[in-house]
């Protein structure tokens, strides 16, 4: 098998965890959509923004909105942060957004044939899910960050306008 065939049969993802109560769920996004992974530093809250728009952060002079992925997906979000929380800086179409997650696990290569379609019509957030990955005895939800952020664009724009006033 050539290197090119291997590249077409697999792709790399950044895996991360979201904790809902005591239950830890695993998620992943394609690595090419992640510009960098940052520790949670100073996030400036924006008054009157949606609950999942955590605020804005300064990324080397750029103002970047921060989205709480857990809240956006309808999971119970923690009021307090923990030391394992990270911000995945997503780069989509030359637009940056921070994705607040509970813990970044690792980068892994996933075989394309191990991705199943998501269950249809049972989840409100189903349109944000590209597929379900089976790895050993675990299930990892593959998120569609493009759809997640496109659906949030108007709320982010509104929050950013509020921040400039």
N, C-alpha and C. Protein backbone atom coordinates (compact mmCIF):
# COMPACT_ATOMS: atom_id res chain seq x y z
N UNK A 1 0.85 -1.18 0.00
CA UNK A 1 0.00 0.00 0.00
C UNK A 1 0.90 1.24 0.00
N UNK A 2 0.58 2.18 -0.86
CA UNK A 2 1.41 3.38 -0.95
C UNK A 2 1.01 4.39 0.11
N UNK A 3 1.87 5.39 0.30
CA UNK A 3 1.59 6.45 1.27
C UNK A 3 0.35 7.22 0.87
N UNK A 4 0.16 7.44 -0.43
CA UNK A 4 -1.00 8.18 -0.90
C UNK A 4 -2.29 7.43 -0.59
N UNK A 5 -2.31 6.12 -0.78
CA UNK A 5 -3.49 5.33 -0.46
C UNK A 5 -3.80 5.39 1.03
N UNK A 6 -2.77 5.34 1.86
CA UNK A 6 -2.95 5.44 3.30
C UNK A 6 -3.55 6.78 3.68
N UNK A 7 -3.09 7.86 3.06
CA UNK A 7 -3.61 9.19 3.36
C UNK A 7 -5.09 9.32 3.02
N UNK A 8 -5.52 8.64 1.94
CA UNK A 8 -6.93 8.72 1.55
C UNK A 8 -7.82 7.85 2.45
N UNK A 9 -7.26 6.81 3.04
CA UNK A 9 -8.02 5.90 3.87
C UNK A 9 -8.12 6.32 5.33
N UNK A 10 -7.41 7.40 5.69
CA UNK A 10 -7.43 7.84 7.08
C UNK A 10 -7.25 9.36 7.14
N UNK A 11 -7.54 9.90 8.31
CA UNK A 11 -7.35 11.33 8.55
C UNK A 11 -7.04 11.54 10.02
N UNK A 12 -6.43 12.68 10.34
CA UNK A 12 -6.07 12.97 11.73
C UNK A 12 -7.10 13.89 12.37
N UNK A 13 -7.32 13.66 13.66
CA UNK A 13 -8.25 14.47 14.44
C UNK A 13 -7.62 14.84 15.77
N UNK A 14 -8.12 15.90 16.35
CA UNK A 14 -7.80 16.26 17.72
C UNK A 14 -8.99 15.77 18.54
N UNK A 15 -8.73 14.93 19.53
CA UNK A 15 -9.83 14.44 20.38
C UNK A 15 -9.86 15.25 21.67
N UNK A 16 -11.08 15.45 22.15
CA UNK A 16 -11.26 16.19 23.39
C UNK A 16 -12.46 15.64 24.13
N UNK A 17 -12.54 15.99 25.41
CA UNK A 17 -13.62 15.49 26.26
C UNK A 17 -14.51 16.63 26.72
N UNK A 18 -15.77 16.30 26.86
CA UNK A 18 -16.75 17.17 27.49
C UNK A 18 -17.38 16.36 28.60
N UNK A 19 -17.47 16.93 29.79
CA UNK A 19 -18.02 16.21 30.93
C UNK A 19 -19.40 16.76 31.25
N UNK A 20 -20.38 15.88 31.23
CA UNK A 20 -21.76 16.24 31.54
C UNK A 20 -22.10 15.56 32.85
N UNK A 21 -22.02 16.31 33.94
CA UNK A 21 -22.17 15.70 35.27
C UNK A 21 -20.95 14.86 35.54
N UNK A 22 -21.13 13.57 35.77
CA UNK A 22 -20.01 12.66 36.01
C UNK A 22 -19.60 11.90 34.75
N UNK A 23 -20.38 12.06 33.67
CA UNK A 23 -20.13 11.31 32.44
C UNK A 23 -19.22 12.08 31.50
N UNK A 24 -18.15 11.42 31.07
CA UNK A 24 -17.17 12.03 30.18
C UNK A 24 -17.41 11.52 28.76
N UNK A 25 -17.69 12.45 27.85
CA UNK A 25 -17.95 12.10 26.45
C UNK A 25 -16.76 12.51 25.60
N UNK A 26 -16.44 11.70 24.58
CA UNK A 26 -15.30 11.99 23.71
C UNK A 26 -15.78 12.54 22.37
N UNK A 27 -15.09 13.58 21.91
CA UNK A 27 -15.39 14.24 20.65
C UNK A 27 -14.10 14.42 19.88
N UNK A 28 -14.24 14.73 18.59
CA UNK A 28 -13.06 14.98 17.77
C UNK A 28 -13.41 15.96 16.66
N UNK A 29 -12.38 16.70 16.22
CA UNK A 29 -12.52 17.55 15.05
C UNK A 29 -11.27 17.34 14.18
N UNK A 30 -11.42 17.47 12.87
CA UNK A 30 -10.27 17.29 11.98
C UNK A 30 -9.14 18.25 12.34
N UNK A 31 -7.93 17.73 12.33
CA UNK A 31 -6.78 18.52 12.77
C UNK A 31 -6.53 19.73 11.88
N UNK A 32 -6.91 19.66 10.61
CA UNK A 32 -6.67 20.80 9.72
C UNK A 32 -7.53 22.01 10.07
N UNK A 33 -8.56 21.81 10.90
CA UNK A 33 -9.38 22.93 11.33
C UNK A 33 -8.88 23.56 12.63
N UNK A 34 -7.84 22.98 13.24
CA UNK A 34 -7.31 23.49 14.50
C UNK A 34 -6.01 24.24 14.24
N UNK A 35 -6.01 25.51 14.56
CA UNK A 35 -4.79 26.30 14.38
C UNK A 35 -3.84 26.11 15.55
N UNK A 36 -4.41 26.11 16.76
CA UNK A 36 -3.60 25.90 17.96
C UNK A 36 -4.49 25.52 19.13
N UNK A 37 -3.85 25.02 20.18
CA UNK A 37 -4.53 24.64 21.42
C UNK A 37 -3.95 25.51 22.51
N UNK A 38 -4.82 26.21 23.24
CA UNK A 38 -4.36 27.15 24.26
C UNK A 38 -4.98 26.83 25.62
N UNK A 39 -4.23 27.16 26.66
CA UNK A 39 -4.79 27.10 28.01
C UNK A 39 -5.80 28.23 28.13
N UNK A 40 -6.76 28.05 29.00
CA UNK A 40 -7.77 29.10 29.20
C UNK A 40 -7.13 30.22 30.02
N UNK A 41 -7.06 31.36 29.41
CA UNK A 41 -6.50 32.53 30.09
C UNK A 41 -7.64 33.51 30.33
N UNK A 42 -7.45 34.71 29.93
CA UNK A 42 -8.45 35.74 30.16
C UNK A 42 -9.49 35.77 29.05
N UNK A 43 -10.74 35.51 29.42
CA UNK A 43 -11.86 35.62 28.49
C UNK A 43 -12.71 36.78 28.99
N UNK A 44 -12.89 37.77 28.13
CA UNK A 44 -13.70 38.93 28.48
C UNK A 44 -15.15 38.64 28.11
N UNK A 45 -16.02 38.66 29.10
CA UNK A 45 -17.43 38.38 28.86
C UNK A 45 -18.07 39.54 28.14
N UNK A 46 -19.08 39.22 27.34
CA UNK A 46 -19.81 40.22 26.60
C UNK A 46 -21.24 40.23 27.13
N UNK A 47 -21.69 41.38 27.65
CA UNK A 47 -23.06 41.45 28.18
C UNK A 47 -24.11 41.14 27.11
N UNK A 48 -25.19 40.52 27.52
CA UNK A 48 -26.35 40.24 26.69
C UNK A 48 -26.07 39.32 25.51
N UNK A 49 -25.03 38.50 25.59
CA UNK A 49 -24.76 37.55 24.51
C UNK A 49 -25.40 36.21 24.88
N UNK A 50 -25.53 35.34 23.89
CA UNK A 50 -26.06 34.00 24.14
C UNK A 50 -25.20 33.28 25.17
N UNK A 51 -25.77 32.34 25.89
CA UNK A 51 -25.03 31.67 26.96
C UNK A 51 -23.81 30.92 26.45
N UNK A 52 -23.87 30.38 25.24
CA UNK A 52 -22.72 29.63 24.73
C UNK A 52 -21.60 30.52 24.20
N UNK A 53 -21.86 31.81 24.00
CA UNK A 53 -20.80 32.75 23.61
C UNK A 53 -20.15 33.20 24.91
N UNK A 54 -19.02 32.56 25.26
CA UNK A 54 -18.37 32.82 26.54
C UNK A 54 -17.76 34.20 26.60
N UNK A 55 -17.38 34.75 25.45
CA UNK A 55 -16.79 36.07 25.40
C UNK A 55 -15.77 36.16 24.29
N UNK A 56 -14.76 37.01 24.52
CA UNK A 56 -13.71 37.21 23.53
C UNK A 56 -12.36 37.09 24.21
N UNK A 57 -11.34 36.75 23.41
CA UNK A 57 -9.99 36.68 23.94
C UNK A 57 -9.05 37.38 22.97
N UNK A 58 -7.92 37.82 23.50
CA UNK A 58 -6.90 38.46 22.69
C UNK A 58 -5.89 37.40 22.29
N UNK A 59 -5.78 37.15 21.00
CA UNK A 59 -4.84 36.17 20.48
C UNK A 59 -3.80 36.91 19.65
N UNK A 60 -2.73 37.30 20.32
CA UNK A 60 -1.65 38.05 19.67
C UNK A 60 -2.17 39.23 18.86
N UNK A 61 -3.04 40.00 19.48
CA UNK A 61 -3.57 41.21 18.85
C UNK A 61 -4.87 41.01 18.09
N UNK A 62 -5.29 39.78 17.89
CA UNK A 62 -6.56 39.52 17.22
C UNK A 62 -7.64 39.26 18.27
N UNK A 63 -8.80 39.82 18.07
CA UNK A 63 -9.93 39.57 18.96
C UNK A 63 -10.68 38.36 18.42
N UNK A 64 -10.74 37.31 19.25
CA UNK A 64 -11.31 36.03 18.84
C UNK A 64 -12.47 35.68 19.76
N UNK A 65 -13.66 35.40 19.18
CA UNK A 65 -14.79 34.97 20.01
C UNK A 65 -14.55 33.56 20.55
N UNK A 66 -15.07 33.30 21.75
CA UNK A 66 -14.91 31.99 22.39
C UNK A 66 -16.30 31.38 22.59
N UNK A 67 -16.47 30.17 22.06
CA UNK A 67 -17.73 29.43 22.14
C UNK A 67 -17.56 28.27 23.11
N UNK A 68 -18.50 28.10 24.03
CA UNK A 68 -18.51 26.95 24.93
C UNK A 68 -19.18 25.80 24.17
N UNK A 69 -18.39 24.83 23.73
CA UNK A 69 -18.90 23.73 22.91
C UNK A 69 -19.96 22.94 23.67
N UNK A 70 -19.72 22.72 24.94
CA UNK A 70 -20.66 21.95 25.75
C UNK A 70 -22.03 22.63 25.78
N UNK A 71 -22.04 23.92 26.03
CA UNK A 71 -23.28 24.69 26.08
C UNK A 71 -23.95 24.71 24.70
N UNK A 72 -23.17 24.87 23.64
CA UNK A 72 -23.72 24.90 22.29
C UNK A 72 -24.38 23.58 21.93
N UNK A 73 -23.83 22.48 22.42
CA UNK A 73 -24.40 21.16 22.14
C UNK A 73 -25.54 20.79 23.08
N UNK A 74 -25.88 21.71 24.00
CA UNK A 74 -27.01 21.47 24.89
C UNK A 74 -26.67 20.68 26.13
N UNK A 75 -25.39 20.57 26.44
CA UNK A 75 -24.97 19.87 27.65
C UNK A 75 -24.89 20.87 28.80
N UNK A 76 -24.95 20.36 30.00
CA UNK A 76 -24.85 21.20 31.19
C UNK A 76 -23.43 21.74 31.30
N UNK A 77 -23.29 23.07 31.33
CA UNK A 77 -21.97 23.69 31.37
C UNK A 77 -21.60 24.06 32.80
N UNK A 78 -20.31 23.92 33.12
CA UNK A 78 -19.83 24.28 34.45
C UNK A 78 -19.68 25.78 34.55
N UNK A 79 -20.03 26.34 35.68
CA UNK A 79 -19.83 27.78 35.90
C UNK A 79 -18.36 28.08 36.12
N UNK A 80 -17.67 27.18 36.80
CA UNK A 80 -16.25 27.42 37.10
C UNK A 80 -15.37 26.64 36.11
N UNK A 81 -14.19 27.16 35.88
CA UNK A 81 -13.27 26.48 34.97
C UNK A 81 -12.37 25.55 35.77
N UNK A 82 -11.72 24.63 35.06
CA UNK A 82 -10.77 23.76 35.73
C UNK A 82 -9.45 23.83 34.97
N UNK A 83 -8.41 23.31 35.57
CA UNK A 83 -7.06 23.41 35.01
C UNK A 83 -6.90 22.65 33.70
N UNK A 84 -7.76 21.68 33.44
CA UNK A 84 -7.63 20.89 32.22
C UNK A 84 -8.35 21.52 31.02
N UNK A 85 -9.18 22.52 31.27
CA UNK A 85 -9.90 23.15 30.16
C UNK A 85 -8.92 23.76 29.17
N UNK A 86 -9.30 23.70 27.89
CA UNK A 86 -8.48 24.26 26.83
C UNK A 86 -9.37 24.97 25.82
N UNK A 87 -8.73 25.81 25.04
CA UNK A 87 -9.41 26.48 23.94
C UNK A 87 -8.75 25.99 22.66
N UNK A 88 -9.56 25.36 21.81
CA UNK A 88 -9.10 24.96 20.49
C UNK A 88 -9.38 26.15 19.58
N UNK A 89 -8.34 26.74 19.02
CA UNK A 89 -8.52 27.87 18.11
C UNK A 89 -8.77 27.28 16.73
N UNK A 90 -10.02 27.42 16.27
CA UNK A 90 -10.42 26.86 14.98
C UNK A 90 -10.24 27.92 13.90
N UNK A 91 -9.72 27.50 12.78
CA UNK A 91 -9.48 28.38 11.64
C UNK A 91 -10.34 27.88 10.49
N UNK A 92 -11.43 28.58 10.22
CA UNK A 92 -12.34 28.19 9.15
C UNK A 92 -12.52 29.36 8.20
N UNK A 93 -12.09 29.14 6.99
CA UNK A 93 -12.21 30.18 5.96
C UNK A 93 -11.59 31.49 6.41
N UNK A 94 -10.40 31.40 6.99
CA UNK A 94 -9.64 32.56 7.47
C UNK A 94 -10.37 33.35 8.55
N UNK A 95 -11.23 32.71 9.28
CA UNK A 95 -11.91 33.31 10.42
C UNK A 95 -11.61 32.45 11.64
N UNK A 96 -11.19 33.09 12.72
CA UNK A 96 -10.81 32.35 13.92
C UNK A 96 -11.93 32.38 14.96
N UNK A 97 -12.06 31.27 15.67
CA UNK A 97 -12.99 31.18 16.80
C UNK A 97 -12.38 30.22 17.82
N UNK A 98 -12.55 30.52 19.10
CA UNK A 98 -12.08 29.66 20.16
C UNK A 98 -13.18 28.71 20.59
N UNK A 99 -12.85 27.45 20.72
CA UNK A 99 -13.80 26.44 21.16
C UNK A 99 -13.38 25.97 22.54
N UNK A 100 -14.16 26.31 23.55
CA UNK A 100 -13.87 25.94 24.92
C UNK A 100 -14.30 24.50 25.16
N UNK A 101 -13.33 23.65 25.57
CA UNK A 101 -13.60 22.24 25.85
C UNK A 101 -13.05 21.90 27.23
N UNK A 102 -13.53 20.80 27.81
CA UNK A 102 -13.12 20.44 29.16
C UNK A 102 -11.70 19.88 29.23
N UNK A 103 -11.28 19.14 28.20
CA UNK A 103 -9.95 18.55 28.23
C UNK A 103 -9.58 18.10 26.83
N UNK A 104 -8.38 18.44 26.38
CA UNK A 104 -7.89 17.94 25.10
C UNK A 104 -7.15 16.64 25.39
N UNK A 105 -7.50 15.60 24.67
CA UNK A 105 -6.91 14.29 24.93
C UNK A 105 -5.65 14.06 24.09
N UNK A 106 -5.80 13.93 22.78
CA UNK A 106 -4.64 13.69 21.93
C UNK A 106 -4.99 13.83 20.46
N UNK A 107 -3.98 13.71 19.63
CA UNK A 107 -4.15 13.67 18.18
C UNK A 107 -4.10 12.21 17.78
N UNK A 108 -5.02 11.80 16.94
CA UNK A 108 -5.02 10.41 16.50
C UNK A 108 -5.42 10.30 15.04
N UNK A 109 -5.00 9.23 14.43
CA UNK A 109 -5.35 8.95 13.04
C UNK A 109 -6.56 8.01 13.06
N UNK A 110 -7.56 8.36 12.26
CA UNK A 110 -8.79 7.57 12.20
C UNK A 110 -8.94 7.00 10.79
N UNK A 111 -9.26 5.73 10.72
CA UNK A 111 -9.53 5.10 9.44
C UNK A 111 -10.90 5.55 8.94
N UNK A 112 -10.97 5.95 7.70
CA UNK A 112 -12.22 6.46 7.13
C UNK A 112 -13.35 5.45 7.26
N UNK A 113 -13.05 4.17 7.10
CA UNK A 113 -14.10 3.15 7.18
C UNK A 113 -14.58 2.87 8.60
N UNK A 114 -13.95 3.49 9.61
CA UNK A 114 -14.43 3.31 10.99
C UNK A 114 -15.41 4.40 11.41
N UNK A 115 -15.77 5.29 10.47
CA UNK A 115 -16.73 6.37 10.75
C UNK A 115 -18.11 5.96 10.26
N UNK A 116 -19.06 5.90 11.19
CA UNK A 116 -20.45 5.60 10.85
C UNK A 116 -21.26 6.89 10.81
N UNK A 117 -22.33 6.88 10.04
CA UNK A 117 -23.22 8.04 10.00
C UNK A 117 -23.87 8.21 11.36
N UNK A 118 -24.16 9.46 11.75
CA UNK A 118 -24.83 9.66 13.04
C UNK A 118 -26.27 9.17 12.98
N UNK A 119 -26.83 8.80 14.13
CA UNK A 119 -28.24 8.40 14.16
C UNK A 119 -29.11 9.58 13.70
N UNK A 120 -30.08 9.31 12.87
CA UNK A 120 -30.91 10.37 12.31
C UNK A 120 -32.10 10.72 13.21
N UNK A 121 -32.44 12.00 13.25
CA UNK A 121 -33.66 12.52 13.87
C UNK A 121 -33.82 12.24 15.36
N UNK A 122 -32.73 12.03 16.09
CA UNK A 122 -32.89 11.83 17.53
C UNK A 122 -32.22 12.91 18.34
N UNK A 123 -31.35 13.68 17.71
CA UNK A 123 -30.60 14.70 18.44
C UNK A 123 -30.85 16.08 17.84
N UNK A 124 -31.08 17.08 18.71
CA UNK A 124 -31.21 18.45 18.22
C UNK A 124 -29.91 18.93 17.60
N UNK A 125 -28.78 18.49 18.16
CA UNK A 125 -27.48 18.94 17.68
C UNK A 125 -26.94 18.03 16.58
N UNK A 126 -27.81 17.17 16.01
CA UNK A 126 -27.38 16.21 15.01
C UNK A 126 -26.72 16.85 13.79
N UNK A 127 -27.14 18.06 13.42
CA UNK A 127 -26.56 18.69 12.24
C UNK A 127 -25.11 19.13 12.49
N UNK A 128 -24.63 19.06 13.72
CA UNK A 128 -23.23 19.38 14.03
C UNK A 128 -22.36 18.12 14.05
N UNK A 129 -22.96 16.98 13.83
CA UNK A 129 -22.24 15.71 13.93
C UNK A 129 -21.98 15.15 12.54
N UNK A 130 -20.69 14.95 12.22
CA UNK A 130 -20.30 14.35 10.94
C UNK A 130 -20.43 12.84 10.98
N UNK A 131 -20.14 12.27 12.14
CA UNK A 131 -20.18 10.82 12.24
C UNK A 131 -19.79 10.34 13.62
N UNK A 132 -19.87 9.04 13.80
CA UNK A 132 -19.49 8.39 15.04
C UNK A 132 -18.33 7.45 14.71
N UNK A 133 -17.25 7.59 15.47
CA UNK A 133 -16.05 6.79 15.23
C UNK A 133 -15.96 5.71 16.30
N UNK A 134 -15.74 4.48 15.84
CA UNK A 134 -15.56 3.37 16.77
C UNK A 134 -14.07 3.09 16.87
N UNK A 135 -13.53 3.26 18.08
CA UNK A 135 -12.12 2.98 18.35
C UNK A 135 -12.07 2.07 19.56
N UNK A 136 -11.58 0.85 19.37
CA UNK A 136 -11.58 -0.17 20.42
C UNK A 136 -13.00 -0.30 20.95
N UNK A 137 -13.19 -0.08 22.23
CA UNK A 137 -14.53 -0.18 22.83
C UNK A 137 -15.16 1.19 23.05
N UNK A 138 -14.57 2.24 22.45
CA UNK A 138 -15.05 3.61 22.67
C UNK A 138 -15.77 4.14 21.44
N UNK A 139 -16.65 5.10 21.69
CA UNK A 139 -17.31 5.84 20.61
C UNK A 139 -16.86 7.30 20.72
N UNK A 140 -16.45 7.86 19.60
CA UNK A 140 -16.02 9.26 19.55
C UNK A 140 -16.92 9.97 18.55
N UNK A 141 -17.50 11.09 18.98
CA UNK A 141 -18.37 11.88 18.12
C UNK A 141 -17.51 12.83 17.30
N UNK A 142 -17.60 12.71 15.98
CA UNK A 142 -16.85 13.57 15.07
C UNK A 142 -17.71 14.79 14.75
N UNK A 143 -17.27 15.96 15.23
CA UNK A 143 -18.05 17.19 15.06
C UNK A 143 -17.75 17.87 13.74
N UNK A 144 -18.77 18.53 13.20
CA UNK A 144 -18.62 19.37 12.01
C UNK A 144 -18.50 20.80 12.51
N UNK A 145 -17.27 21.26 12.69
CA UNK A 145 -17.02 22.58 13.26
C UNK A 145 -17.54 23.67 12.34
N UNK A 146 -17.49 23.46 11.04
CA UNK A 146 -17.98 24.45 10.10
C UNK A 146 -19.45 24.74 10.36
N UNK A 147 -20.27 23.69 10.46
CA UNK A 147 -21.70 23.88 10.73
C UNK A 147 -21.94 24.47 12.11
N UNK A 148 -21.16 24.02 13.09
CA UNK A 148 -21.30 24.53 14.45
C UNK A 148 -21.08 26.04 14.48
N UNK A 149 -20.03 26.49 13.82
CA UNK A 149 -19.72 27.92 13.82
C UNK A 149 -20.62 28.72 12.89
N UNK A 150 -20.99 28.15 11.74
CA UNK A 150 -21.90 28.86 10.84
C UNK A 150 -23.24 29.11 11.52
N UNK A 151 -23.71 28.13 12.30
CA UNK A 151 -24.96 28.28 13.02
C UNK A 151 -24.85 29.33 14.13
N UNK A 152 -23.63 29.59 14.57
CA UNK A 152 -23.40 30.55 15.65
C UNK A 152 -23.02 31.94 15.14
N UNK A 153 -22.83 32.10 13.84
CA UNK A 153 -22.30 33.33 13.27
C UNK A 153 -23.08 34.57 13.68
N UNK A 154 -24.41 34.52 13.58
CA UNK A 154 -25.19 35.72 13.91
C UNK A 154 -25.07 36.07 15.39
N UNK A 155 -25.02 35.06 16.26
CA UNK A 155 -24.87 35.33 17.70
C UNK A 155 -23.47 35.87 18.01
N UNK A 156 -22.46 35.35 17.32
CA UNK A 156 -21.10 35.84 17.52
C UNK A 156 -20.98 37.28 17.02
N UNK A 157 -21.54 37.56 15.85
CA UNK A 157 -21.50 38.92 15.28
C UNK A 157 -22.19 39.91 16.21
N UNK A 158 -23.34 39.51 16.73
CA UNK A 158 -24.08 40.37 17.66
C UNK A 158 -23.27 40.63 18.91
N UNK A 159 -22.63 39.60 19.44
CA UNK A 159 -21.82 39.76 20.64
C UNK A 159 -20.61 40.66 20.37
N UNK A 160 -19.99 40.48 19.20
CA UNK A 160 -18.82 41.29 18.86
C UNK A 160 -19.21 42.76 18.70
N UNK A 161 -20.39 43.02 18.14
CA UNK A 161 -20.87 44.42 18.03
C UNK A 161 -21.03 45.02 19.42
N UNK A 162 -21.60 44.22 20.33
CA UNK A 162 -21.78 44.68 21.71
C UNK A 162 -20.48 44.95 22.39
N UNK A 163 -19.44 44.20 22.04
CA UNK A 163 -18.13 44.38 22.67
C UNK A 163 -17.46 45.66 22.20
N UNK A 164 -17.78 46.11 21.00
CA UNK A 164 -17.14 47.32 20.46
C UNK A 164 -17.80 48.60 20.94
N UNK A 165 -18.99 48.50 21.50
CA UNK A 165 -19.70 49.71 21.97
C UNK A 165 -19.19 50.17 23.30
